Structure formats: C-alpha cells, structure tokens
C-alpha cells in the first residue's frame, strides 16, 4: 500500500492477524477507539497485529509512505 501525504485508509477492522513490512520510513498517525497514536516506521522492520484491530491510518508526513500488509488466514 502507498499512502500519499495527507491520505488515510478510512476506519476499518482487521478480520485476521496481520504483518506489516514498511518499505519507507516515517511515522503514521493512527486513530483508534482508545485515542490517537503515532506509529514510527523503519524500512524492513516488520511488526504484527492481532485480529480485530480497528483504526484509521493517516499519513501526516510530507512524503509518500509505502508498506506491505500480509493477512494471516
């Protein structure tokens, strides 16, 4: 997925566990039911999240952020 500056995914809920592999660095803003969080990204440093995560992901940086998201079914 590529998020242009100012772009967002829209609110969604993940139906499966998933892995994110950042291809570019930066920080994404996450709107969650618990409040706003910031997720720093390091290229190649993957992380996992469990099924049921609900959020809106926003690119508040001045550059495109690219990541690969893999759902585990």
N, C-alpha and C. Protein backbone atom coordinates (compact mmCIF):
# COMPACT_ATOMS: atom_id res chain seq x y z
N UNK A 1 0.84 -1.16 0.00
CA UNK A 1 0.00 0.00 0.00
C UNK A 1 0.90 1.23 0.00
N UNK A 2 0.49 2.23 -0.72
CA UNK A 2 1.19 3.51 -0.74
C UNK A 2 0.21 4.58 -0.29
N UNK A 3 0.62 5.34 0.72
CA UNK A 3 -0.20 6.43 1.23
C UNK A 3 0.49 7.76 0.90
N UNK A 4 -0.16 8.56 0.09
CA UNK A 4 0.37 9.88 -0.24
C UNK A 4 0.29 10.79 0.98
N UNK A 5 1.04 11.87 1.00
CA UNK A 5 0.94 12.82 2.11
C UNK A 5 -0.52 13.26 2.30
N UNK A 6 -1.01 13.18 3.53
CA UNK A 6 -2.36 13.58 3.84
C UNK A 6 -3.42 12.51 3.60
N UNK A 7 -3.04 11.40 2.97
CA UNK A 7 -4.00 10.33 2.69
C UNK A 7 -4.30 9.51 3.94
N UNK A 8 -5.45 8.86 3.93
CA UNK A 8 -5.81 7.98 5.03
C UNK A 8 -6.55 6.77 4.50
N UNK A 9 -6.55 5.71 5.30
CA UNK A 9 -7.19 4.46 4.88
C UNK A 9 -8.68 4.46 5.11
N UNK A 10 -9.16 5.29 6.01
CA UNK A 10 -10.55 5.21 6.46
C UNK A 10 -10.64 4.18 7.58
N UNK A 11 -11.65 4.32 8.41
CA UNK A 11 -11.83 3.40 9.53
C UNK A 11 -12.09 1.99 9.01
N UNK A 12 -11.39 1.01 9.60
CA UNK A 12 -11.59 -0.38 9.22
C UNK A 12 -11.19 -1.29 10.38
N UNK A 13 -11.66 -2.53 10.33
CA UNK A 13 -11.33 -3.53 11.34
C UNK A 13 -10.69 -4.72 10.62
N UNK A 14 -9.58 -5.20 11.17
CA UNK A 14 -8.88 -6.33 10.57
C UNK A 14 -9.53 -7.65 10.99
N UNK A 15 -9.87 -8.47 9.99
CA UNK A 15 -10.52 -9.75 10.24
C UNK A 15 -9.56 -10.89 10.46
N UNK A 16 -8.25 -10.60 10.39
CA UNK A 16 -7.23 -11.63 10.57
C UNK A 16 -6.01 -11.01 11.26
N UNK A 17 -5.19 -11.86 11.89
CA UNK A 17 -3.87 -11.39 12.33
C UNK A 17 -3.14 -10.91 11.09
N UNK A 18 -2.22 -9.94 11.26
CA UNK A 18 -1.50 -9.46 10.08
C UNK A 18 -0.10 -8.98 10.42
N UNK A 19 0.73 -8.92 9.38
CA UNK A 19 2.11 -8.46 9.46
C UNK A 19 2.24 -7.25 8.55
N UNK A 20 2.94 -6.23 9.02
CA UNK A 20 3.22 -5.04 8.20
C UNK A 20 4.72 -4.96 8.00
N UNK A 21 5.14 -4.77 6.74
CA UNK A 21 6.55 -4.60 6.40
C UNK A 21 6.71 -3.21 5.77
N UNK A 22 7.25 -2.24 6.52
CA UNK A 22 7.46 -0.90 5.96
C UNK A 22 8.54 -0.92 4.88
N UNK A 23 8.26 -0.26 3.79
CA UNK A 23 9.25 -0.13 2.71
C UNK A 23 9.91 1.24 2.76
N UNK A 24 9.25 2.20 3.40
CA UNK A 24 9.82 3.53 3.59
C UNK A 24 9.70 3.89 5.06
N UNK A 25 10.50 4.83 5.49
CA UNK A 25 10.46 5.27 6.88
C UNK A 25 9.50 6.43 7.07
N UNK A 26 9.26 6.74 8.31
CA UNK A 26 8.38 7.85 8.65
C UNK A 26 7.54 7.48 9.85
N UNK A 27 6.44 8.14 10.00
CA UNK A 27 5.52 7.86 11.10
C UNK A 27 4.10 8.02 10.60
N UNK A 28 3.26 7.08 10.97
CA UNK A 28 1.85 7.14 10.63
C UNK A 28 1.04 7.51 11.86
N UNK A 29 -0.01 8.28 11.68
CA UNK A 29 -0.93 8.61 12.76
C UNK A 29 -2.06 7.59 12.73
N UNK A 30 -2.35 7.00 13.87
CA UNK A 30 -3.41 6.00 13.97
C UNK A 30 -4.53 6.55 14.84
N UNK A 31 -5.70 6.67 14.27
CA UNK A 31 -6.88 6.99 15.07
C UNK A 31 -7.46 5.66 15.50
N UNK A 32 -7.62 5.46 16.81
CA UNK A 32 -8.13 4.20 17.34
C UNK A 32 -9.28 4.50 18.30
N UNK A 33 -10.06 3.49 18.67
CA UNK A 33 -11.10 3.72 19.67
C UNK A 33 -10.53 4.20 21.01
N UNK A 34 -9.26 3.91 21.28
CA UNK A 34 -8.60 4.33 22.53
C UNK A 34 -7.96 5.71 22.42
N UNK A 35 -7.97 6.31 21.24
CA UNK A 35 -7.35 7.62 21.04
C UNK A 35 -6.36 7.60 19.91
N UNK A 36 -5.66 8.71 19.73
CA UNK A 36 -4.69 8.86 18.64
C UNK A 36 -3.33 8.36 19.10
N UNK A 37 -2.68 7.60 18.21
CA UNK A 37 -1.34 7.07 18.48
C UNK A 37 -0.45 7.38 17.27
N UNK A 38 0.84 7.36 17.47
CA UNK A 38 1.81 7.53 16.39
C UNK A 38 2.61 6.25 16.25
N UNK A 39 2.71 5.75 15.02
CA UNK A 39 3.44 4.51 14.74
C UNK A 39 4.66 4.83 13.88
N UNK A 40 5.86 4.85 14.51
CA UNK A 40 7.07 5.08 13.72
C UNK A 40 7.38 3.86 12.86
N UNK A 41 7.85 4.10 11.64
CA UNK A 41 8.16 3.02 10.71
C UNK A 41 9.64 3.06 10.34
N UNK A 42 10.27 1.90 10.34
CA UNK A 42 11.65 1.74 9.90
C UNK A 42 11.64 0.77 8.72
N UNK A 43 12.19 1.15 7.58
CA UNK A 43 12.17 0.26 6.41
C UNK A 43 12.71 -1.13 6.75
N UNK A 44 11.93 -2.16 6.38
CA UNK A 44 12.35 -3.54 6.59
C UNK A 44 12.10 -4.10 7.98
N UNK A 45 11.72 -3.27 8.93
CA UNK A 45 11.46 -3.73 10.30
C UNK A 45 9.97 -4.03 10.45
N UNK A 46 9.63 -5.31 10.31
CA UNK A 46 8.22 -5.70 10.33
C UNK A 46 7.66 -5.74 11.74
N UNK A 47 6.32 -5.73 11.81
CA UNK A 47 5.64 -5.87 13.09
C UNK A 47 4.31 -6.57 12.84
N UNK A 48 3.73 -7.15 13.89
CA UNK A 48 2.47 -7.87 13.77
C UNK A 48 1.39 -7.21 14.60
N UNK A 49 0.15 -7.47 14.22
CA UNK A 49 -1.01 -7.01 14.97
C UNK A 49 -2.05 -8.13 14.96
N UNK A 50 -2.85 -8.22 16.03
CA UNK A 50 -3.84 -9.30 16.12
C UNK A 50 -5.14 -8.99 15.39
N UNK A 51 -5.91 -10.03 15.14
CA UNK A 51 -7.24 -9.90 14.56
C UNK A 51 -8.07 -8.92 15.41
N UNK A 52 -8.93 -8.16 14.75
CA UNK A 52 -9.82 -7.27 15.46
C UNK A 52 -9.34 -5.84 15.62
N UNK A 53 -8.10 -5.54 15.23
CA UNK A 53 -7.60 -4.17 15.34
C UNK A 53 -8.50 -3.26 14.50
N UNK A 54 -8.92 -2.16 15.10
CA UNK A 54 -9.78 -1.19 14.42
C UNK A 54 -9.07 0.16 14.44
N UNK A 55 -8.94 0.78 13.27
CA UNK A 55 -8.24 2.07 13.21
C UNK A 55 -8.44 2.77 11.87
N UNK A 56 -8.02 4.01 11.83
CA UNK A 56 -7.87 4.79 10.62
C UNK A 56 -6.41 5.20 10.58
N UNK A 57 -5.73 4.91 9.49
CA UNK A 57 -4.30 5.20 9.35
C UNK A 57 -4.15 6.46 8.48
N UNK A 58 -3.38 7.43 8.99
CA UNK A 58 -3.21 8.72 8.30
C UNK A 58 -1.72 8.98 8.08
N UNK A 59 -1.39 9.41 6.87
CA UNK A 59 -0.02 9.82 6.58
C UNK A 59 0.07 11.33 6.77
N UNK A 60 0.57 11.75 7.92
CA UNK A 60 0.74 13.17 8.21
C UNK A 60 2.11 13.70 7.80
N UNK A 61 2.91 12.87 7.09
CA UNK A 61 4.24 13.31 6.68
C UNK A 61 4.16 14.07 5.36
N UNK A 62 5.28 14.61 4.94
CA UNK A 62 5.36 15.34 3.67
C UNK A 62 5.77 14.44 2.50
N UNK A 63 5.91 13.11 2.76
CA UNK A 63 6.31 12.20 1.69
C UNK A 63 5.43 10.95 1.69
N UNK A 64 5.42 10.25 0.57
CA UNK A 64 4.67 9.00 0.45
C UNK A 64 5.23 7.96 1.41
N UNK A 65 4.36 7.20 2.04
CA UNK A 65 4.79 6.09 2.88
C UNK A 65 4.26 4.81 2.24
N UNK A 66 5.15 3.83 2.09
CA UNK A 66 4.82 2.58 1.41
C UNK A 66 5.07 1.43 2.40
N UNK A 67 4.09 0.50 2.46
CA UNK A 67 4.25 -0.69 3.30
C UNK A 67 3.50 -1.84 2.67
N UNK A 68 3.94 -3.04 3.01
CA UNK A 68 3.26 -4.27 2.60
C UNK A 68 2.52 -4.81 3.80
N UNK A 69 1.27 -5.19 3.60
CA UNK A 69 0.47 -5.74 4.69
C UNK A 69 0.04 -7.13 4.29
N UNK A 70 0.34 -8.11 5.16
CA UNK A 70 0.06 -9.50 4.89
C UNK A 70 -0.89 -10.03 5.94
N UNK A 71 -2.09 -10.47 5.53
CA UNK A 71 -3.03 -11.07 6.48
C UNK A 71 -2.75 -12.56 6.59
N UNK A 72 -2.81 -13.06 7.82
CA UNK A 72 -2.55 -14.47 8.09
C UNK A 72 -3.89 -15.17 8.26
N UNK A 73 -4.20 -16.04 7.34
CA UNK A 73 -5.50 -16.73 7.36
C UNK A 73 -5.35 -18.18 7.76
